[in-house]
């Protein structure tokens, strides 16, 4: 949870970790967004609580909605 808090802090005031544009760190962490959603669906594990981590939740959605990701994201 400490790591999620750290990431939440880094997103303050930004859409992505690189600011308003997706950068290397967003791409490096993006696979986690996919893995977490799979774990939540299959195992019922809740990692990213939207109330506790609203910025990370928004980042996950923005990341998934980016055109470059959306066209290549596994479903």
Protein backbone atom coordinates (compact mmCIF):
# COMPACT_ATOMS: atom_id res chain seq x y z
CA UNK A 1 0.00 0.00 0.00
CA UNK A 2 2.92 2.35 0.63
CA UNK A 3 3.97 2.02 -3.00
CA UNK A 4 0.47 2.87 -4.20
CA UNK A 5 0.48 5.92 -1.93
CA UNK A 6 3.84 6.96 -3.40
CA UNK A 7 2.51 6.62 -6.96
CA UNK A 8 -0.67 8.50 -6.02
CA UNK A 9 1.49 11.39 -4.75
CA UNK A 10 3.47 11.48 -8.00
CA UNK A 11 0.27 11.87 -10.02
CA UNK A 12 -0.95 14.98 -8.17
CA UNK A 13 -1.74 17.65 -10.73
CA UNK A 14 -0.96 15.37 -13.67
CA UNK A 15 -2.94 13.14 -15.99
CA UNK A 16 0.06 10.84 -16.50
CA UNK A 17 3.35 10.39 -14.66
CA UNK A 18 4.97 12.38 -17.46
CA UNK A 19 2.52 15.28 -17.08
CA UNK A 20 -0.24 15.68 -19.64
CA UNK A 21 1.45 13.28 -22.06
CA UNK A 22 2.21 9.61 -21.64
CA UNK A 23 5.93 9.01 -21.12
CA UNK A 24 8.28 6.12 -20.38
CA UNK A 25 7.22 5.66 -16.75
CA UNK A 26 3.57 5.40 -17.78
CA UNK A 27 4.46 2.68 -20.28
CA UNK A 28 6.69 0.93 -17.76
CA UNK A 29 3.89 0.85 -15.16
CA UNK A 30 1.06 0.26 -17.62
CA UNK A 31 1.33 -3.53 -17.52
CA UNK A 32 0.50 -3.31 -13.80
CA UNK A 33 -2.84 -1.71 -14.62
CA UNK A 34 -3.67 -4.68 -16.82
CA UNK A 35 -2.43 -7.24 -14.29
CA UNK A 36 -4.38 -5.63 -11.44
CA UNK A 37 -7.60 -5.62 -13.45
CA UNK A 38 -7.10 -9.31 -14.29
CA UNK A 39 -6.45 -10.21 -10.64
CA UNK A 40 -9.49 -8.24 -9.53
CA UNK A 41 -11.68 -10.05 -12.06
CA UNK A 42 -10.38 -13.60 -11.66
CA UNK A 43 -9.40 -13.80 -8.00
CA UNK A 44 -11.67 -11.12 -6.59
CA UNK A 45 -8.62 -9.29 -5.23
CA UNK A 46 -9.08 -5.56 -4.75
CA UNK A 47 -5.82 -3.66 -4.97
CA UNK A 48 -6.67 -0.26 -6.38
CA UNK A 49 -9.47 1.13 -4.26
CA UNK A 50 -10.95 4.08 -6.16
CA UNK A 51 -11.74 5.93 -2.95
CA UNK A 52 -8.25 5.53 -1.49
CA UNK A 53 -6.42 6.07 -4.78
CA UNK A 54 -8.57 8.26 -7.03
CA UNK A 55 -5.62 9.55 -9.05
CA UNK A 56 -4.33 6.05 -9.76
CA UNK A 57 -7.82 4.97 -10.76
CA UNK A 58 -8.10 7.91 -13.14
CA UNK A 59 -4.60 7.22 -14.50
CA UNK A 60 -5.53 3.58 -15.17
CA UNK A 61 -8.59 4.67 -17.13
CA UNK A 62 -6.66 7.36 -19.03
CA UNK A 63 -3.91 4.86 -19.80
CA UNK A 64 -6.36 2.26 -21.09
CA UNK A 65 -8.21 4.90 -23.16
CA UNK A 66 -5.08 6.22 -24.91
CA UNK A 67 -5.29 5.34 -28.62
CA UNK A 68 -1.88 3.66 -28.74
CA UNK A 69 -2.80 1.42 -25.80
CA UNK A 70 -6.43 0.78 -26.68
CA UNK A 71 -5.49 -0.71 -30.06
CA UNK A 72 -2.91 -3.04 -28.53
CA UNK A 73 -4.32 -3.81 -25.06
CA UNK A 74 -5.14 -7.47 -24.37
CA UNK A 75 -8.80 -8.09 -23.55
